[in-house]
C-alpha atoms as a PDB file:
ATOM      1  CA  MET A   1     130.452 124.933  97.388  1.00  0.00           C
ATOM      2  CA  GLU A   2     127.435 123.424  95.634  1.00  0.00           C
ATOM      3  CA  PRO A   3     124.115 123.138  97.558  1.00  0.00           C
ATOM      4  CA  VAL A   4     123.610 119.612  98.777  1.00  0.00           C
ATOM      5  CA  VAL A   5     120.350 118.076 100.015  1.00  0.00           C
ATOM      6  CA  LYS A   6     119.372 114.642 101.267  1.00  0.00           C
ATOM      7  CA  VAL A   7     117.097 112.399  99.186  1.00  0.00           C
ATOM      8  CA  SER A   8     114.628 112.544 102.056  1.00  0.00           C
ATOM      9  CA  TYR A   9     114.262 116.294 101.431  1.00  0.00           C
ATOM     10  CA  VAL A  10     113.574 115.735  97.748  1.00  0.00           C
ATOM     11  CA  LEU A  11     111.034 113.051  98.647  1.00  0.00           C
ATOM     12  CA  ASP A  12     109.282 115.426 101.097  1.00  0.00           C
ATOM     13  CA  LEU A  13     109.045 118.088  98.377  1.00  0.00           C
ATOM     14  CA  LEU A  14     107.527 115.579  95.994  1.00  0.00           C
ATOM     15  CA  ARG A  15     104.992 114.430  98.621  1.00  0.00           C
ATOM     16  CA  LYS A  16     103.914 118.017  99.308  1.00  0.00           C
ATOM     17  CA  ASN A  17     103.119 118.502  95.617  1.00  0.00           C
ATOM     18  CA  ALA A  18     101.791 115.060  94.725  1.00  0.00           C
ATOM     19  CA  ALA A  19      98.122 114.316  93.990  1.00  0.00           C
ATOM     20  CA  GLU A  20      98.540 111.081  95.908  1.00  0.00           C
ATOM     21  CA  PRO A  21     101.392 111.507  98.375  1.00  0.00           C
ATOM     22  CA  ALA A  22     100.850 108.114  99.990  1.00  0.00           C
ATOM     23  CA  LYS A  23     102.134 106.485  96.809  1.00  0.00           C
ATOM     24  CA  LEU A  24     105.529 108.058  97.495  1.00  0.00           C
ATOM     25  CA  ASN A  25     106.261 105.613 100.315  1.00  0.00           C
ATOM     26  CA  PHE A  26     109.972 104.767 100.368  1.00  0.00           C
ATOM     27  CA  ASP A  27     109.056 101.044 100.548  1.00  0.00           C
ATOM     28  CA  ASN A  28     107.180 101.281  97.195  1.00  0.00           C
ATOM     29  CA  ILE A  29     109.622 103.298  95.093  1.00  0.00           C
ATOM     30  CA  ILE A  30     113.143 103.182  93.845  1.00  0.00           C
ATOM     31  CA  ILE A  31     115.107 106.395  93.960  1.00  0.00           C
ATOM     32  CA  ALA A  32     118.301 106.793  91.985  1.00  0.00           C
ATOM     33  CA  VAL A  33     120.809 109.627  92.026  1.00  0.00           C
ATOM     34  CA  ASN A  34     122.641 109.885  88.734  1.00  0.00           C
ATOM     35  CA  GLY A  35     121.494 106.378  87.851  1.00  0.00           C
ATOM     36  CA  VAL A  36     122.666 104.764  91.079  1.00  0.00           C
ATOM     37  CA  ASP A  37     120.087 103.285  93.504  1.00  0.00           C
ATOM     38  CA  CYS A  38     120.166 105.452  96.571  1.00  0.00           C
ATOM     39  CA  SER A  39     119.847 102.347  98.783  1.00  0.00           C
ATOM     40  CA  ILE A  40     123.603 101.771  98.166  1.00  0.00           C
ATOM     41  CA  LEU A  41     124.388 105.458  98.575  1.00  0.00           C
ATOM     42  CA  GLY A  42     122.930 105.743 102.077  1.00  0.00           C
ATOM     43  CA  GLY A  43     119.181 105.357 101.550  1.00  0.00           C
ATOM     44  CA  ILE A  44     117.098 108.448 102.221  1.00  0.00           C
ATOM     45  CA  ASP A  45     120.201 110.013 103.762  1.00  0.00           C
ATOM     46  CA  ALA A  46     121.973 109.883 100.404  1.00  0.00           C
ATOM     47  CA  SER A  47     123.013 113.260  99.105  1.00  0.00           C
ATOM     48  CA  ALA A  48     122.098 115.024  95.853  1.00  0.00           C
ATOM     49  CA  LYS A  49     123.688 118.228  94.703  1.00  0.00           C
ATOM     50  CA  GLU A  50     122.726 120.821  92.164  1.00  0.00           C
ATOM     51  CA  GLY A  51     122.880 119.313  88.713  1.00  0.00           C
ATOM     52  CA  ASP A  52     122.365 115.705  89.881  1.00  0.00           C
ATOM     53  CA  GLU A  53     119.592 113.720  88.263  1.00  0.00           C
ATOM     54  CA  VAL A  54     117.176 112.229  90.823  1.00  0.00           C
ATOM     55  CA  THR A  55     114.877 109.559  89.396  1.00  0.00           C
ATOM     56  CA  VAL A  56     111.854 108.139  91.242  1.00  0.00           C
ATOM     57  CA  VAL A  57     110.346 104.926  89.957  1.00  0.00           C
ATOM     58  CA  SER A  58     107.204 103.309  91.369  1.00  0.00           C
ATOM     59  CA  ILE A  59     107.445  99.566  92.053  1.00  0.00           C
ATOM     60  CA  VAL A  60     103.788  99.295  93.040  1.00  0.00           C
ATOM     61  CA  HIS A  61     101.879  97.245  90.512  1.00  0.00           C
ATOM     62  CA  GLY A  62      98.657  95.373  90.065  1.00  0.00           C
ATOM     63  CA  GLY A  63      98.404  91.655  89.922  1.00  0.00           C
ATOM     64  CA  GLY A  64      97.399  88.828  92.163  1.00  0.00           C
ATOM     65  CA  GLY A  65      95.346  87.093  89.422  1.00  0.00           C
ATOM     66  CA  SER A  66      96.224  83.664  88.174  1.00  0.00           C
ATOM     67  CA  VAL A  67      98.555  83.282  85.260  1.00  0.00           C
ATOM     68  CA  ARG A  68      97.616  80.779  82.552  1.00  0.00           C
END
């Protein structure tokens, strides 16, 4: 049986090692497991097993200025 962990565990590991852990807020990132958004796989309870590719993408961006 392959080791399986939840996405929340992976996120906790990343936060512990991040220079700015607050930026790894689940509301400000997209997490994909093997290219599939984990929000449709169960959210932070989604599973990832050894060999899976877990991708974290920040959706925080600047802006707020007027566009001309």
